[in-house]
Amino acid sequence: MNNDLLRVGVITQTHGIRGEVKVFPTTDDPNRFKDLKECIIMGKREQINVTVENVKFFKQYVILKFKEFSNINDIEVYTKCDLCVTRENAVPLEEGEYFICDLVGLDVITDEGENIGKLKDVLETGANNVYIVETKDGDEVLIPVIDQCILAHDLDKGTITVHLLDGLLDLNKK
């Protein structure tokens, strides 16, 4: 996916017959949809720019109505498609917050200068996120995203500096 587009949800199904869709939010804060004006549906063949006309919340879903669609038949081809925003329409990040897509691929280096590998993905758990680092030999190391372990992110240098707590690498051995 284009790094200038950030996924905020997935269209799971249509809602009613007037072109509304049920969206499963993939953003940290589903309330961000209240201020969302424009987004992009990542269709199977093309990207569709849409304007948000109405927002409702239902259980863990967000119900969206786009100005461009007023009929269930026109919108249902976009079920299971990602809903993205441009960086300009993204929620502003707080100090110390990063978009996952900006971190994936960075070198993970210990505070002692050892290169562990590259950040492969971020596992979002209930308590704290976990960095999945792929080592040079193809193994994976899991590092909890807590202040004691993650010391610095330097997007300019392309590095994440970590402190490995005693026994952390032992826990990762199979």
Protein backbone atom coordinates (compact mmCIF):
# COMPACT_ATOMS: atom_id res chain seq x y z
CA MET A 1 0.00 0.00 0.00
CA ASN A 2 1.07 3.54 -0.68
CA ASN A 3 2.77 5.00 2.43
CA ASP A 4 0.98 8.30 1.87
CA LEU A 5 -2.35 6.59 2.50
CA LEU A 6 -3.28 5.37 5.96
CA ARG A 7 -5.96 2.73 6.51
CA VAL A 8 -8.66 3.82 8.95
CA GLY A 9 -11.11 0.99 8.42
CA VAL A 10 -12.49 -1.84 6.31
CA ILE A 11 -15.92 -1.77 4.71
CA THR A 12 -17.52 -4.96 6.04
CA GLN A 13 -20.98 -4.78 4.47
CA THR A 14 -23.75 -2.53 3.28
CA HIS A 15 -26.19 -1.03 5.77
CA GLY A 16 -29.73 -0.44 4.56
CA ILE A 17 -30.63 0.34 0.95
CA ARG A 18 -29.56 4.00 0.68
CA GLY A 19 -25.85 3.40 0.16
CA GLU A 20 -24.61 3.36 3.76
CA VAL A 21 -21.81 1.00 4.71
CA LYS A 22 -20.72 -0.64 7.93
CA VAL A 23 -17.02 -0.01 8.57
CA PHE A 24 -14.79 -1.87 11.01
CA PRO A 25 -12.39 0.83 12.29
CA THR A 26 -8.67 0.00 12.22
CA THR A 27 -7.68 3.27 13.85
CA ASP A 28 -6.86 3.70 17.54
CA ASP A 29 -9.74 6.13 18.01
CA PRO A 30 -13.02 5.40 16.14
CA ASN A 31 -14.28 8.86 17.16
CA ARG A 32 -11.90 10.24 14.51
CA PHE A 33 -14.68 9.44 12.00
CA LYS A 34 -16.76 12.31 13.43
CA ASP A 35 -14.31 14.79 11.88
CA LEU A 36 -13.61 12.82 8.70
CA LYS A 37 -14.65 14.68 5.55
CA GLU A 38 -12.84 12.90 2.74
CA CYS A 39 -11.48 9.40 2.36
CA ILE A 40 -10.53 6.89 -0.29
CA ILE A 41 -12.07 3.50 -0.96
CA MET A 42 -9.34 1.13 -2.13
CA GLY A 43 -11.41 -0.73 -4.72
CA LYS A 44 -10.28 -3.96 -6.29
CA ARG A 45 -9.49 -2.16 -9.55
CA GLU A 46 -9.33 1.52 -8.62
CA GLN A 47 -9.25 4.06 -5.82
CA ILE A 48 -12.45 6.04 -5.29
CA ASN A 49 -12.33 9.45 -3.59
CA VAL A 50 -15.45 9.87 -1.45
CA THR A 51 -16.96 12.58 0.73
CA VAL A 52 -18.39 11.59 4.10
CA GLU A 53 -21.97 12.83 4.38
CA ASN A 54 -23.07 11.15 7.61
CA VAL A 55 -21.49 9.19 10.49
CA LYS A 56 -23.22 6.93 13.02
CA PHE A 57 -21.85 4.44 15.51
CA PHE A 58 -23.26 0.94 16.07
CA LYS A 59 -21.57 -1.49 18.47
CA GLN A 60 -17.91 -1.72 17.35
CA TYR A 61 -18.75 -0.43 13.85
CA VAL A 62 -19.00 2.96 12.20
CA ILE A 63 -21.87 3.47 9.75
CA LEU A 64 -20.83 5.83 6.97
CA LYS A 65 -22.85 7.48 4.22
CA PHE A 66 -20.87 8.84 1.27
CA LYS A 67 -22.19 11.70 -0.83
CA GLU A 68 -21.27 9.82 -4.01
CA PHE A 69 -23.46 6.77 -3.28
CA SER A 70 -27.21 6.68 -2.65
CA ASN A 71 -28.03 3.11 -3.61
CA ILE A 72 -27.04 -0.25 -2.09
CA ASN A 73 -26.30 -1.69 -5.55
CA ASP A 74 -23.64 0.95 -6.29
CA ILE A 75 -21.74 0.61 -3.01
CA GLU A 76 -21.92 -3.14 -2.35
CA VAL A 77 -19.06 -3.88 -4.80
CA TYR A 78 -16.79 -2.15 -2.26
CA THR A 79 -17.44 -4.52 0.64
CA LYS A 80 -14.21 -5.99 2.05
CA CYS A 81 -12.28 -2.97 0.71
CA ASP A 82 -9.97 -0.79 2.79
CA LEU A 83 -10.97 2.75 3.66
CA CYS A 84 -7.97 5.09 3.69
CA VAL A 85 -7.13 8.71 4.33
CA THR A 86 -4.27 10.82 3.07
CA ARG A 87 -1.66 11.94 5.59
CA GLU A 88 -3.17 15.44 5.45
CA ASN A 89 -6.51 14.00 6.63
CA ALA A 90 -4.93 11.81 9.28
CA VAL A 91 -5.34 12.50 12.98
CA PRO A 92 -2.39 14.61 14.20
CA LEU A 93 0.05 12.50 16.18
CA GLU A 94 1.01 13.30 19.75
CA GLU A 95 4.65 13.57 20.76
CA GLY A 96 6.14 10.06 20.69
CA GLU A 97 3.36 8.60 18.49
CA TYR A 98 4.08 7.13 15.07
CA PHE A 99 2.15 5.56 12.22
CA ILE A 100 2.96 1.85 12.05
CA CYS A 101 3.63 2.09 8.31
CA ASP A 102 6.45 4.58 9.06
CA LEU A 103 8.11 2.18 11.50
CA VAL A 104 7.98 -1.08 9.54
CA GLY A 105 11.33 -1.71 7.88
CA LEU A 106 13.39 0.33 10.35
CA ASP A 107 16.57 -1.20 11.80
CA VAL A 108 16.20 -2.27 15.43
CA ILE A 109 19.40 -1.62 17.37
CA THR A 110 20.17 -2.28 21.02
CA ASP A 111 21.47 0.43 23.32
CA GLU A 112 24.78 -1.46 23.11
CA GLY A 113 24.97 -0.96 19.33
CA GLU A 114 23.95 -4.46 18.19
CA ASN A 115 21.67 -4.62 15.14
CA ILE A 116 18.94 -7.15 15.98
CA GLY A 117 17.12 -6.94 12.64
CA LYS A 118 14.30 -5.03 10.96
CA LEU A 119 10.87 -4.19 12.34
CA LYS A 120 8.53 -6.52 10.47
CA ASP A 121 5.19 -5.65 12.07
CA VAL A 122 3.49 -4.33 15.18
CA LEU A 123 1.22 -6.64 17.15
CA GLU A 124 -1.55 -4.62 18.76
CA THR A 125 -2.51 -6.27 22.04
CA GLY A 126 -4.82 -5.00 24.74
CA ALA A 127 -2.10 -3.97 27.17
CA ASN A 128 0.76 -2.68 25.03
CA ASN A 129 1.88 -3.15 21.46
CA VAL A 130 4.63 -5.62 20.63
CA TYR A 131 7.27 -5.09 17.95
CA ILE A 132 7.91 -8.12 15.74
CA VAL A 133 11.54 -7.91 14.65
CA GLU A 134 12.92 -10.17 11.92
CA THR A 135 16.54 -11.09 12.54
CA LYS A 136 19.15 -11.53 9.81
CA ASP A 137 18.74 -15.32 10.00
CA GLY A 138 14.96 -15.10 9.56
CA ASP A 139 13.93 -15.64 13.17
CA GLU A 140 11.47 -13.35 14.92
CA VAL A 141 12.07 -11.51 18.17
CA LEU A 142 9.15 -10.01 20.08
CA ILE A 143 9.83 -6.80 21.99
CA PRO A 144 7.14 -5.17 24.14
CA VAL A 145 6.53 -1.50 23.36
CA ILE A 146 7.10 -0.19 26.87
CA ASP A 147 9.32 2.64 28.08
CA GLN A 148 11.84 0.21 29.63
CA CYS A 149 12.42 -1.46 26.23
CA ILE A 150 11.84 1.15 23.52
CA LEU A 151 14.31 3.99 24.02
CA ALA A 152 14.11 6.00 20.79
CA HIS A 153 12.68 6.18 17.29
CA ASP A 154 14.76 8.01 14.70
CA LEU A 155 12.89 8.11 11.41
CA ASP A 156 15.65 10.19 9.80
CA LYS A 157 18.32 7.58 10.58
CA GLY A 158 15.87 4.70 10.05
CA THR A 159 16.43 3.19 13.49
CA ILE A 160 14.62 2.14 16.62
CA THR A 161 16.84 1.91 19.70
CA VAL A 162 15.82 -0.72 22.22
CA HIS A 163 16.97 -2.00 25.57
CA LEU A 164 16.68 -5.75 25.89
CA LEU A 165 15.57 -6.63 29.40
CA ASP A 166 17.41 -9.55 31.00
CA GLY A 167 15.97 -12.82 29.69
CA LEU A 168 13.93 -11.22 26.89
CA LEU A 169 15.80 -13.01 24.11
CA ASP A 170 15.57 -16.27 26.08
CA LEU A 171 11.78 -15.93 26.07
CA ASN A 172 11.85 -15.66 22.28
CA LYS A 173 13.78 -18.94 21.78
CA LYS A 174 11.67 -21.81 20.54
